[in-house]
């Protein structure tokens, strides 16, 4: 029978990791692309097919559209159809707990008390960074499928190649490539592990790297190479065939300095947990006397490099760390603890253990209370009016304005949902359908007020919805061909002057909500108009 204090500590750690995970999964703020994902999902369900050409914009009309997130969007649409914004919020929380649950099960694989306690502790820490990547968007499914990939690989390569489990990887990758582009990362991790495992068999036994990279058993090499081949074959099982993996590769290498999550991870307190976990993972991997699965270290190294290159990958690495770091900590930690008998004795003192358990219960209760007070009243997705032009969009709708809309890219999919009478110039789909020259022209216009006419012909625009603080907005407002018809601290609406209308000096609608309106509004529960239409309706 377990000593009572240690059993209490284990339960308190379980409560803490569950509460911290819930706290960091519960933020209900919408992602800029949520409107589009749900709308596109509705159209997939309505049409029973995947659209291959853009029906929404005036700058990329009928251009090829590689929508690589079809299953994720269908899932988001089904959640919205079932329970509105609450259904979407519930879906993202369930996906987060599923991914974390698989990772915790992998981390505590040894089924010893030490393994469980270490895994719960690592999970409680990593939950902070994992929550960073759990906005309601298709990436949440990559988190689940990444942990599923690691689980299937462990089953397939346990002691010999178990082909039924290995063949299941083909189905997993086929599902993944039709759900989110993160499948390419999973395939790259797998290919790197196969390459290094194959190379390890050609190294001499006395090579300096033999300690960290012993010769991989032949079944492991065969299994990893077969898994990589199956993943490559599965990448072709999409409506776009070979075009999708080729496009994904090019898209990942395309720099996006204007989009924060595609920039390198900064050395800042915002990502302190990630940097701490990454350092612990690296040091324990290097100090380990025996690496049970060297191929996992290779996969982790690829994911870690991606996380430092693009901040959007830090939550995925922390999930991977929950599954792999506990074993490394136990291996390296035992050597350290063997040299510190007094520290071990103090840590096992029943009073110390009881105090730690009580503190963890208090923290867990505080985390759950904070989640409900901060994010979950009411239980639905929320649109912060300080970030999204809810009132400006409502003005456009009520004023009956329509036509080609020049729009700030983060607001494009909100406009697709709320303004079916307007074609947008750009939205969050970016290079899935918009030529890169059109995207670059928008960045240039936002920053300077000028853009090449061949790439962004402003004479074709009828309206503009732009951030008030952009230089491009000020330049357009100074142009006599345009008139400001609405202005708030966040957004400005301009209309093209036609036949003297709007007349110079016409009244400008304003909306300043500070101190007089809620900070956010609920995500709409109604079905978007374009869900049942072929596209733009003039």
Protein backbone atom coordinates (compact mmCIF):
# COMPACT_ATOMS: atom_id res chain seq x y z
CA UNK A 1 0.00 0.00 0.00
CA UNK A 2 1.32 3.45 -0.88
CA UNK A 3 2.22 5.79 1.97
CA UNK A 4 -0.69 8.16 2.47
CA UNK A 5 1.27 11.44 1.94
CA UNK A 6 2.70 10.25 -1.39
CA UNK A 7 -0.72 9.09 -2.53
CA UNK A 8 -2.12 12.52 -1.60
CA UNK A 9 0.71 14.19 -3.50
CA UNK A 10 -0.05 12.13 -6.59
CA UNK A 11 -3.73 13.06 -6.52
CA UNK A 12 -2.87 16.71 -5.95
CA UNK A 13 -0.57 16.65 -8.99
CA UNK A 14 -3.35 15.08 -11.07
CA UNK A 15 -5.73 17.82 -9.94
CA UNK A 16 -3.13 20.50 -10.65
CA UNK A 17 -2.36 19.34 -14.18
CA UNK A 18 -6.08 19.00 -14.98
CA UNK A 19 -6.83 22.44 -13.55
CA UNK A 20 -3.87 24.17 -15.22
CA UNK A 21 -4.75 22.53 -18.53
CA UNK A 22 -8.35 23.67 -18.18
CA UNK A 23 -7.25 27.20 -17.28
CA UNK A 24 -5.03 27.54 -20.32
CA UNK A 25 -7.48 25.89 -22.71
CA UNK A 26 -10.45 27.96 -21.57
CA UNK A 27 -9.68 31.39 -23.14
CA UNK A 28 -12.62 31.99 -25.46
CA UNK A 29 -11.21 34.80 -27.61
CA UNK A 30 -11.77 34.16 -31.30
CA UNK A 31 -8.94 33.65 -33.77
CA UNK A 32 -9.00 36.02 -36.81
CA UNK A 33 -9.68 33.06 -39.09
CA UNK A 34 -12.47 31.44 -37.06
CA UNK A 35 -15.26 33.02 -39.13
CA UNK A 36 -13.73 31.65 -42.30
CA UNK A 37 -13.05 28.16 -40.95
CA UNK A 38 -16.65 27.76 -39.82
CA UNK A 39 -18.03 29.27 -43.04
CA UNK A 40 -15.87 27.04 -45.25
CA UNK A 41 -16.88 24.04 -43.16
CA UNK A 42 -20.56 24.84 -43.68
CA UNK A 43 -19.99 25.08 -47.44
CA UNK A 44 -18.22 21.70 -47.47
CA UNK A 45 -21.14 20.13 -45.59
CA UNK A 46 -23.70 21.90 -47.80
CA UNK A 47 -22.06 21.09 -51.12
CA UNK A 48 -20.66 17.69 -50.22
CA UNK A 49 -17.44 18.64 -51.99
CA UNK A 50 -14.30 20.71 -51.59
CA UNK A 51 -14.11 24.01 -53.50
CA UNK A 52 -11.05 24.33 -55.68
CA UNK A 53 -11.37 27.98 -56.80
CA UNK A 54 -11.84 31.14 -54.77
CA UNK A 55 -15.46 32.45 -54.80
CA UNK A 56 -15.04 35.28 -52.26
CA UNK A 57 -12.45 37.87 -53.32
CA UNK A 58 -12.01 40.44 -56.08
CA UNK A 59 -8.21 40.24 -56.16
CA UNK A 60 -8.03 36.45 -56.58
CA UNK A 61 -11.41 35.64 -58.09
CA UNK A 62 -11.51 32.07 -59.43
CA UNK A 63 -7.82 31.53 -58.58
CA UNK A 64 -6.96 27.97 -57.48
CA UNK A 65 -7.70 27.52 -53.78
CA UNK A 66 -5.79 24.80 -51.93
CA UNK A 67 -7.94 24.45 -48.84
CA UNK A 68 -5.88 21.92 -46.90
CA UNK A 69 -7.96 22.05 -43.69
CA UNK A 70 -11.21 20.59 -44.94
CA UNK A 71 -11.88 17.99 -42.22
CA UNK A 72 -10.99 20.44 -39.45
CA UNK A 73 -13.33 23.05 -40.92
CA UNK A 74 -16.12 20.52 -41.26
CA UNK A 75 -15.66 19.61 -37.59
CA UNK A 76 -15.78 23.28 -36.54
CA UNK A 77 -18.92 23.81 -38.63
CA UNK A 78 -20.60 20.76 -37.08
CA UNK A 79 -19.72 22.04 -33.60
CA UNK A 80 -21.19 25.44 -34.47
CA UNK A 81 -24.27 23.89 -36.06
CA UNK A 82 -24.84 21.82 -32.92
CA UNK A 83 -24.28 24.43 -30.20
CA UNK A 84 -23.12 27.70 -31.75
CA UNK A 85 -20.11 29.41 -30.20
CA UNK A 86 -20.39 27.16 -27.13
CA UNK A 87 -19.93 24.11 -29.35
CA UNK A 88 -16.71 25.51 -30.81
CA UNK A 89 -15.36 26.34 -27.35
CA UNK A 90 -16.23 22.86 -26.08
CA UNK A 91 -14.55 21.26 -29.12
CA UNK A 92 -11.26 23.05 -28.53
CA UNK A 93 -11.24 22.20 -24.81
CA UNK A 94 -11.97 18.52 -25.52
CA UNK A 95 -9.24 18.41 -28.20
CA UNK A 96 -6.77 19.96 -25.75
CA UNK A 97 -7.55 17.46 -23.00
CA UNK A 98 -7.33 14.58 -25.48
CA UNK A 99 -3.88 15.68 -26.68
CA UNK A 100 -2.67 16.25 -23.13
CA UNK A 101 -4.14 12.92 -21.99
CA UNK A 102 -2.29 10.96 -24.69
CA UNK A 103 0.96 12.81 -23.89
CA UNK A 104 0.59 12.12 -20.15
CA UNK A 105 -0.08 8.43 -20.81
CA UNK A 106 3.08 8.24 -22.91
CA UNK A 107 5.13 10.08 -20.30
CA UNK A 108 4.03 7.71 -17.51
CA UNK A 109 4.62 4.63 -19.65
CA UNK A 110 6.79 2.89 -17.02
CA UNK A 111 3.78 2.85 -14.66
CA UNK A 112 5.93 3.44 -11.58
CA UNK A 113 5.11 6.00 -8.92
CA UNK A 114 8.19 8.02 -9.79
CA UNK A 115 7.25 8.04 -13.47
CA UNK A 116 3.71 9.15 -12.71
CA UNK A 117 4.74 11.92 -10.32
CA UNK A 118 7.36 13.20 -12.74
CA UNK A 119 4.92 13.14 -15.66
CA UNK A 120 2.21 15.00 -13.75
CA UNK A 121 4.74 17.63 -12.68
CA UNK A 122 6.02 18.11 -16.26
CA UNK A 123 2.43 18.29 -17.52
CA UNK A 124 1.49 20.96 -14.98
CA UNK A 125 4.40 23.13 -16.14
CA UNK A 126 3.93 22.54 -19.88
CA UNK A 127 0.20 23.30 -19.75
CA UNK A 128 1.05 27.01 -19.67
CA UNK A 129 2.74 26.95 -23.09
CA UNK A 130 0.44 24.32 -24.59
CA UNK A 131 -2.54 26.60 -24.01
CA UNK A 132 -0.83 29.27 -26.12
CA UNK A 133 -1.53 27.20 -29.24
CA UNK A 134 -5.14 26.32 -28.50
CA UNK A 135 -7.15 28.97 -30.23
CA UNK A 136 -10.21 27.53 -31.98
CA UNK A 137 -8.59 26.66 -35.31
CA UNK A 138 -7.41 23.59 -37.23
CA UNK A 139 -4.04 23.51 -35.43
CA UNK A 140 -5.74 21.95 -32.39
CA UNK A 141 -6.18 18.76 -34.41
CA UNK A 142 -2.46 18.67 -35.21
CA UNK A 143 -1.80 18.60 -31.46
CA UNK A 144 -4.00 15.50 -31.10
CA UNK A 145 -2.59 13.78 -34.18
CA UNK A 146 1.03 14.48 -33.19
CA UNK A 147 0.58 12.70 -29.88
CA UNK A 148 -1.30 9.91 -31.66
CA UNK A 149 1.65 9.54 -34.07
CA UNK A 150 4.08 9.12 -31.18
CA UNK A 151 1.79 6.60 -29.51
CA UNK A 152 1.42 4.51 -32.67
CA UNK A 153 5.17 4.54 -33.27
CA UNK A 154 5.83 3.20 -29.78
CA UNK A 155 3.29 0.44 -30.34
CA UNK A 156 4.68 -0.40 -33.78
CA UNK A 157 8.33 -0.47 -32.70
CA UNK A 158 8.02 -1.91 -29.20
CA UNK A 159 10.34 -4.90 -29.65
CA UNK A 160 9.88 -5.77 -33.30
CA UNK A 161 8.03 -4.30 -36.23
CA UNK A 162 4.34 -4.74 -35.57
CA UNK A 163 2.90 -4.22 -39.02
CA UNK A 164 -0.78 -3.75 -38.08
CA UNK A 165 0.13 -0.72 -35.95
CA UNK A 166 2.54 0.51 -38.60
CA UNK A 167 -0.09 0.32 -41.31
CA UNK A 168 -2.41 2.36 -39.09
CA UNK A 169 0.04 5.23 -39.58
CA UNK A 170 -1.04 5.46 -43.22
CA UNK A 171 -4.62 6.14 -42.13
CA UNK A 172 -3.42 8.63 -39.53
CA UNK A 173 -1.39 10.60 -42.08
CA UNK A 174 -4.22 10.51 -44.62
CA UNK A 175 -6.52 11.97 -41.96
CA UNK A 176 -3.86 14.50 -40.92
CA UNK A 177 -3.09 15.80 -44.42
CA UNK A 178 -6.80 16.44 -44.96
CA UNK A 179 -7.08 18.22 -41.60
CA UNK A 180 -4.11 20.56 -41.17
CA UNK A 181 -0.74 21.37 -42.73
CA UNK A 182 1.00 20.30 -39.53
CA UNK A 183 1.05 16.84 -41.10
CA UNK A 184 4.13 17.98 -43.00
CA UNK A 185 5.92 18.57 -39.69
CA UNK A 186 4.99 15.09 -38.49
CA UNK A 187 6.30 13.59 -41.72
CA UNK A 188 9.54 15.60 -41.51
CA UNK A 189 10.11 14.40 -37.93
CA UNK A 190 9.54 10.81 -39.00
CA UNK A 191 11.83 11.09 -42.03
CA UNK A 192 14.63 12.60 -39.92
CA UNK A 193 14.33 9.78 -37.38
CA UNK A 194 14.48 7.16 -40.16
CA UNK A 195 17.52 8.82 -41.75
CA UNK A 196 19.46 9.07 -38.49
CA UNK A 197 18.53 5.51 -37.47
CA UNK A 198 19.75 4.18 -40.81
CA UNK A 199 22.97 6.22 -40.55
CA UNK A 200 23.63 4.96 -37.01
CA UNK A 201 24.03 1.40 -38.28
CA UNK A 202 26.95 2.48 -40.45
CA UNK A 203 28.88 4.15 -37.64
CA UNK A 204 31.71 2.22 -35.92
CA UNK A 205 30.88 1.03 -32.38
CA UNK A 206 33.66 3.17 -30.89
CA UNK A 207 32.51 6.38 -32.61
CA UNK A 208 32.28 9.45 -30.28
CA UNK A 209 28.54 9.63 -30.94
CA UNK A 210 27.92 6.01 -29.91
CA UNK A 211 26.90 7.02 -26.39
CA UNK A 212 23.99 9.16 -27.60
CA UNK A 213 23.40 7.45 -30.92
CA UNK A 214 23.94 3.69 -30.65
CA UNK A 215 23.35 1.57 -33.69
CA UNK A 216 19.62 1.25 -34.15
CA UNK A 217 18.24 -2.29 -34.27
CA UNK A 218 17.38 -3.41 -37.77
CA UNK A 219 13.63 -3.71 -37.01
CA UNK A 220 13.58 -0.09 -35.84
CA UNK A 221 15.26 1.11 -39.04
CA UNK A 222 12.88 -0.94 -41.18
CA UNK A 223 9.89 0.29 -39.21
CA UNK A 224 10.84 3.97 -39.38
CA UNK A 225 11.60 3.80 -43.09
CA UNK A 226 8.32 1.98 -43.75
CA UNK A 227 6.41 4.54 -41.65
CA UNK A 228 7.98 7.38 -43.63
CA UNK A 229 7.05 5.74 -46.93
CA UNK A 230 3.49 5.21 -45.71
CA UNK A 231 3.29 8.86 -44.65
CA UNK A 232 4.53 10.03 -48.03
CA UNK A 233 1.96 7.86 -49.79
CA UNK A 234 -0.79 9.17 -47.52
CA UNK A 235 0.15 12.78 -48.34
CA UNK A 236 -1.18 12.11 -51.85
CA UNK A 237 -4.60 11.03 -50.55
CA UNK A 238 -6.16 14.50 -50.75
CA UNK A 239 -8.21 16.29 -53.42
CA UNK A 240 -4.98 17.92 -54.65
CA UNK A 241 -2.72 14.88 -54.88
CA UNK A 242 0.97 15.72 -55.18
CA UNK A 243 0.22 19.46 -55.38
CA UNK A 244 -0.56 19.63 -51.64
CA UNK A 245 2.76 18.45 -50.16
CA UNK A 246 4.64 20.52 -52.74
CA UNK A 247 2.61 23.61 -51.86
CA UNK A 248 2.97 22.96 -48.12
CA UNK A 249 6.73 22.78 -48.44
CA UNK A 250 6.87 26.09 -50.28
CA UNK A 251 4.43 27.75 -47.91
CA UNK A 252 6.38 26.77 -44.78
CA UNK A 253 9.55 28.31 -46.22
CA UNK A 254 7.77 31.55 -47.17
CA UNK A 255 8.70 34.29 -44.66
CA UNK A 256 5.81 36.09 -42.99
CA UNK A 257 7.36 38.83 -40.82
CA UNK A 258 4.02 40.65 -40.63
CA UNK A 259 2.39 37.68 -38.83
CA UNK A 260 3.62 37.25 -35.24
CA UNK A 261 3.18 33.47 -34.96
CA UNK A 262 5.37 32.87 -38.02
CA UNK A 263 8.31 34.76 -36.50
CA UNK A 264 11.14 33.18 -34.46
CA UNK A 265 10.35 32.55 -30.81
CA UNK A 266 11.66 35.52 -28.80
CA UNK A 267 13.69 35.19 -25.61
CA UNK A 268 10.99 36.76 -23.46
CA UNK A 269 8.91 36.02 -20.38
CA UNK A 270 5.91 35.32 -22.60
CA UNK A 271 7.55 32.03 -23.58
CA UNK A 272 9.66 31.43 -20.46
CA UNK A 273 8.04 28.02 -19.89
CA UNK A 274 8.95 26.90 -23.40
CA UNK A 275 12.59 27.98 -23.01
CA UNK A 276 12.82 26.28 -19.60
CA UNK A 277 11.32 23.03 -20.89
CA UNK A 278 13.51 23.11 -24.01
CA UNK A 279 16.65 23.59 -21.89
CA UNK A 280 15.65 20.76 -19.54
CA UNK A 281 14.93 18.47 -22.50
CA UNK A 282 18.28 19.19 -24.17
CA UNK A 283 20.36 18.82 -20.98
CA UNK A 284 18.68 15.60 -19.85
CA UNK A 285 18.97 14.09 -23.33
CA UNK A 286 22.69 14.85 -23.39
CA UNK A 287 23.20 13.58 -19.82
CA UNK A 288 21.19 10.40 -20.22
CA UNK A 289 23.16 7.19 -19.77
CA UNK A 290 20.81 5.25 -21.98
CA UNK A 291 18.35 6.55 -24.48
CA UNK A 292 15.51 4.06 -24.65
CA UNK A 293 14.36 5.40 -28.02
CA UNK A 294 17.01 7.51 -29.77
CA UNK A 295 14.64 8.02 -32.70
CA UNK A 296 12.33 10.01 -30.40
CA UNK A 297 15.20 12.37 -29.57
CA UNK A 298 15.74 12.98 -33.29
CA UNK A 299 12.05 13.70 -33.77
CA UNK A 300 12.10 16.04 -30.79
CA UNK A 301 15.17 17.86 -32.12
CA UNK A 302 13.39 18.54 -35.44
CA UNK A 303 10.31 19.82 -33.60
CA UNK A 304 12.45 21.96 -31.28
CA UNK A 305 14.20 23.56 -34.26
CA UNK A 306 10.80 24.31 -35.81
CA UNK A 307 9.59 25.81 -32.51
CA UNK A 308 12.52 28.21 -32.39
CA UNK A 309 12.02 29.11 -36.05
CA UNK A 310 8.25 29.70 -35.75
CA UNK A 311 6.62 30.57 -32.43
CA UNK A 312 3.42 28.77 -33.47
CA UNK A 313 5.20 25.43 -32.90
CA UNK A 314 6.17 25.97 -29.22
CA UNK A 315 2.95 24.35 -27.88
CA UNK A 316 3.59 21.26 -30.02
CA UNK A 317 7.10 20.88 -28.62
CA UNK A 318 5.80 21.19 -25.05
CA UNK A 319 3.25 18.44 -25.77
CA UNK A 320 6.09 16.31 -27.12
CA UNK A 321 8.07 17.10 -23.96
CA UNK A 322 5.22 15.87 -21.73
CA UNK A 323 5.51 12.50 -23.50
CA UNK A 324 9.33 12.24 -23.56
CA UNK A 325 10.89 14.45 -20.87
CA UNK A 326 9.80 12.41 -17.79
CA UNK A 327 11.90 9.39 -18.82
CA UNK A 328 14.91 11.63 -19.45
CA UNK A 329 14.45 13.35 -16.10
CA UNK A 330 14.20 10.03 -14.27
CA UNK A 331 17.37 8.74 -15.91
CA UNK A 332 19.43 11.85 -15.25
CA UNK A 333 17.65 12.68 -12.02
CA UNK A 334 18.49 9.37 -10.38
CA UNK A 335 22.20 10.08 -10.76
CA UNK A 336 21.78 13.50 -9.16
CA UNK A 337 19.57 12.27 -6.33
CA UNK A 338 21.94 9.41 -5.53
CA UNK A 339 24.48 12.08 -4.59
CA UNK A 340 22.02 14.06 -2.43
CA UNK A 341 20.68 11.65 0.21
CA UNK A 342 19.78 14.46 2.64
CA UNK A 343 17.73 16.26 0.00
CA UNK A 344 15.89 13.03 -0.81
CA UNK A 345 15.18 12.39 2.87
CA UNK A 346 13.85 15.93 3.33
CA UNK A 347 11.64 15.64 0.24
CA UNK A 348 10.15 12.40 1.55
CA UNK A 349 9.32 13.89 4.92
CA UNK A 350 5.56 13.37 5.39
CA UNK A 351 5.06 16.95 6.56
CA UNK A 352 6.80 18.38 3.50
CA UNK A 353 4.82 16.12 1.18
CA UNK A 354 1.54 17.03 2.86
CA UNK A 355 2.26 20.77 2.61
CA UNK A 356 3.10 20.43 -1.10
CA UNK A 357 -0.08 18.43 -1.72
CA UNK A 358 -2.22 21.02 0.06
CA UNK A 359 -0.60 23.87 -1.90
CA UNK A 360 -1.27 22.09 -5.17
CA UNK A 361 -4.95 21.60 -4.28
CA UNK A 362 -5.25 25.31 -3.51
CA UNK A 363 -3.58 26.23 -6.83
CA UNK A 364 -5.85 23.83 -8.71
CA UNK A 365 -8.98 25.33 -7.16
CA UNK A 366 -7.75 28.84 -7.92
CA UNK A 367 -7.03 27.89 -11.55
CA UNK A 368 -10.54 26.51 -12.12
CA UNK A 369 -12.16 29.52 -10.44
CA UNK A 370 -10.07 31.88 -12.57
CA UNK A 371 -11.05 30.06 -15.76
CA UNK A 372 -14.76 30.43 -15.05
CA UNK A 373 -14.51 34.02 -13.82
CA UNK A 374 -12.25 35.20 -16.67
CA UNK A 375 -13.31 33.22 -19.73
CA UNK A 376 -16.38 31.06 -19.31
CA UNK A 377 -19.17 33.43 -18.28
CA UNK A 378 -21.03 32.96 -20.58
CA UNK A 379 -19.75 29.71 -22.05
CA UNK A 380 -19.18 30.70 -25.68
CA UNK A 381 -16.55 32.15 -27.99
CA UNK A 382 -16.05 35.88 -27.55
CA UNK A 383 -15.14 38.67 -30.01
CA UNK A 384 -13.11 41.48 -28.36
CA UNK A 385 -14.36 44.79 -29.76
CA UNK A 386 -10.91 46.33 -29.20
CA UNK A 387 -9.43 43.97 -31.83
CA UNK A 388 -12.22 43.38 -34.33
CA UNK A 389 -14.34 46.07 -36.07
CA UNK A 390 -17.69 44.70 -34.97
CA UNK A 391 -19.36 48.12 -34.98
CA UNK A 392 -17.79 49.21 -38.28
CA UNK A 393 -19.04 46.05 -39.96
CA UNK A 394 -22.49 46.67 -38.51
CA UNK A 395 -22.40 50.21 -39.92
CA UNK A 396 -21.53 48.92 -43.41
CA UNK A 397 -24.41 46.46 -43.23
CA UNK A 398 -26.95 49.00 -41.95
CA UNK A 399 -25.84 51.70 -44.44
CA UNK A 400 -26.37 49.27 -47.32
CA UNK A 401 -22.81 49.67 -48.59
CA UNK A 402 -21.69 46.97 -51.02
CA UNK A 403 -19.08 46.11 -53.64
CA UNK A 404 -15.38 45.35 -53.68
CA UNK A 405 -13.95 45.84 -50.18
CA UNK A 406 -10.32 46.75 -49.50
CA UNK A 407 -9.82 45.24 -46.06
CA UNK A 408 -7.18 44.73 -43.37
CA UNK A 409 -6.15 41.10 -43.74
CA UNK A 410 -6.99 40.04 -40.15
CA UNK A 411 -10.58 41.21 -40.66
CA UNK A 412 -11.19 39.60 -44.05
CA UNK A 413 -12.91 36.47 -42.81
CA UNK A 414 -15.11 38.41 -40.40
CA UNK A 415 -16.30 40.31 -43.49
CA UNK A 416 -16.93 37.09 -45.40
CA UNK A 417 -19.26 36.04 -42.59
CA UNK A 418 -21.01 39.35 -41.91
CA UNK A 419 -20.95 41.13 -45.30
CA UNK A 420 -21.99 38.68 -48.03
CA UNK A 421 -22.62 41.65 -50.34
CA UNK A 422 -18.90 42.55 -50.36
CA UNK A 423 -16.00 40.83 -52.06
CA UNK A 424 -12.84 41.11 -49.96
CA UNK A 425 -9.37 42.04 -51.17
CA UNK A 426 -7.53 39.76 -48.73
CA UNK A 427 -8.25 37.42 -45.83
CA UNK A 428 -6.51 34.88 -43.62
CA UNK A 429 -6.36 32.22 -46.34
CA UNK A 430 -3.33 34.11 -47.71
CA UNK A 431 -1.27 31.97 -50.09
CA UNK A 432 -3.79 29.14 -50.23
CA UNK A 433 -5.53 31.21 -52.92
CA UNK A 434 -4.00 34.70 -53.12
CA UNK A 435 -0.90 35.22 -55.30
CA UNK A 436 2.01 36.31 -53.15
CA UNK A 437 2.41 39.50 -55.17
CA UNK A 438 -1.14 40.48 -54.14
CA UNK A 439 -0.35 39.75 -50.48
CA UNK A 440 2.90 41.75 -50.64
CA UNK A 441 1.03 44.64 -52.29
CA UNK A 442 -1.34 44.74 -49.33
CA UNK A 443 1.54 44.82 -46.82
CA UNK A 444 3.05 47.68 -48.82
CA UNK A 445 -0.22 49.60 -48.97
CA UNK A 446 -0.86 49.23 -45.24
CA UNK A 447 2.64 50.57 -44.49
CA UNK A 448 2.93 53.34 -47.09
CA UNK A 449 -0.42 54.01 -48.74
CA UNK A 450 0.97 52.97 -52.13
CA UNK A 451 0.92 49.68 -54.01
CA UNK A 452 1.67 48.52 -57.58
CA UNK A 453 -1.51 48.91 -59.60
CA UNK A 454 -0.84 45.65 -61.41
CA UNK A 455 -0.99 43.78 -58.06
CA UNK A 456 -3.59 45.82 -56.15
CA UNK A 457 -5.69 48.07 -58.35
CA UNK A 458 -7.44 50.43 -55.94
CA UNK A 459 -9.62 51.78 -58.74
CA UNK A 460 -11.46 48.45 -58.59
CA UNK A 461 -12.35 48.93 -54.89
CA UNK A 462 -15.69 50.45 -53.83
CA UNK A 463 -15.16 50.45 -50.06
CA UNK A 464 -12.33 50.18 -47.56
CA UNK A 465 -12.29 48.84 -44.01
CA UNK A 466 -8.88 49.51 -42.50
CA UNK A 467 -7.19 50.00 -39.16
CA UNK A 468 -7.35 53.66 -38.22
CA UNK A 469 -3.67 53.73 -37.20
CA UNK A 470 -2.29 52.52 -40.56
CA UNK A 471 -0.34 54.96 -42.77
CA UNK A 472 -2.30 53.56 -45.71
CA UNK A 473 -5.56 54.62 -44.07
CA UNK A 474 -4.34 58.20 -43.66
CA UNK A 475 -3.17 58.28 -47.28
CA UNK A 476 -6.52 57.03 -48.56
CA UNK A 477 -8.44 59.50 -46.37
CA UNK A 478 -6.40 62.34 -47.93
CA UNK A 479 -7.26 61.20 -51.46
CA UNK A 480 -10.19 63.25 -52.87
CA UNK A 481 -11.42 60.13 -54.66
CA UNK A 482 -12.32 58.64 -51.26
CA UNK A 483 -14.46 59.86 -48.37
CA UNK A 484 -14.38 58.74 -44.75
CA UNK A 485 -17.89 57.64 -43.74
CA UNK A 486 -17.11 55.98 -40.39
CA UNK A 487 -14.28 56.30 -37.92
CA UNK A 488 -13.48 54.83 -34.53
CA UNK A 489 -10.20 54.48 -32.62
CA UNK A 490 -9.90 50.98 -34.13
CA UNK A 491 -11.37 51.08 -37.64
CA UNK A 492 -12.08 53.48 -40.48
CA UNK A 493 -14.57 52.92 -43.31
CA UNK A 494 -14.07 54.80 -46.59
CA UNK A 495 -16.34 54.92 -49.62
CA UNK A 496 -15.36 55.82 -53.15
CA UNK A 497 -16.74 59.17 -54.27
CA UNK A 498 -19.09 58.70 -57.25
CA UNK A 499 -21.01 61.56 -58.80
CA UNK A 500 -20.19 63.74 -55.80
CA UNK A 501 -21.53 61.21 -53.30
CA UNK A 502 -20.48 61.11 -50.51
CA UNK A 503 -20.04 64.85 -50.75
CA UNK A 504 -16.94 66.48 -49.24
CA UNK A 505 -17.62 67.45 -45.64
CA UNK A 506 -20.42 64.92 -45.20
CA UNK A 507 -20.97 63.81 -41.57
CA UNK A 508 -18.76 60.94 -40.45
CA UNK A 509 -20.29 58.22 -38.31
CA UNK A 510 -18.28 57.52 -35.19
CA UNK A 511 -18.28 54.90 -32.50
CA UNK A 512 -16.26 55.26 -29.31
CA UNK A 513 -17.21 52.43 -26.96
CA UNK A 514 -14.83 53.22 -24.12
CA UNK A 515 -16.65 53.00 -20.81
CA UNK A 516 -20.05 52.55 -22.47
CA UNK A 517 -20.07 49.12 -24.07
CA UNK A 518 -18.96 45.57 -23.24
CA UNK A 519 -15.36 44.57 -23.94
CA UNK A 520 -16.53 41.70 -26.13
CA UNK A 521 -19.56 40.29 -27.88
CA UNK A 522 -20.53 36.63 -28.37
CA UNK A 523 -19.57 34.82 -31.55
CA UNK A 524 -22.75 34.61 -33.65
CA UNK A 525 -24.77 31.42 -33.35
CA UNK A 526 -26.57 32.02 -36.66
CA UNK A 527 -25.53 30.31 -39.88
CA UNK A 528 -23.60 32.68 -42.19
CA UNK A 529 -25.40 33.79 -45.35
CA UNK A 530 -22.66 32.52 -47.68
CA UNK A 531 -23.00 29.01 -46.24
CA UNK A 532 -25.85 28.40 -48.70
CA UNK A 533 -24.79 30.63 -51.61
CA UNK A 534 -22.34 29.92 -54.41
CA UNK A 535 -20.34 33.06 -53.55
CA UNK A 536 -20.52 36.82 -53.68
CA UNK A 537 -24.02 38.22 -54.17
CA UNK A 538 -24.04 41.72 -55.75
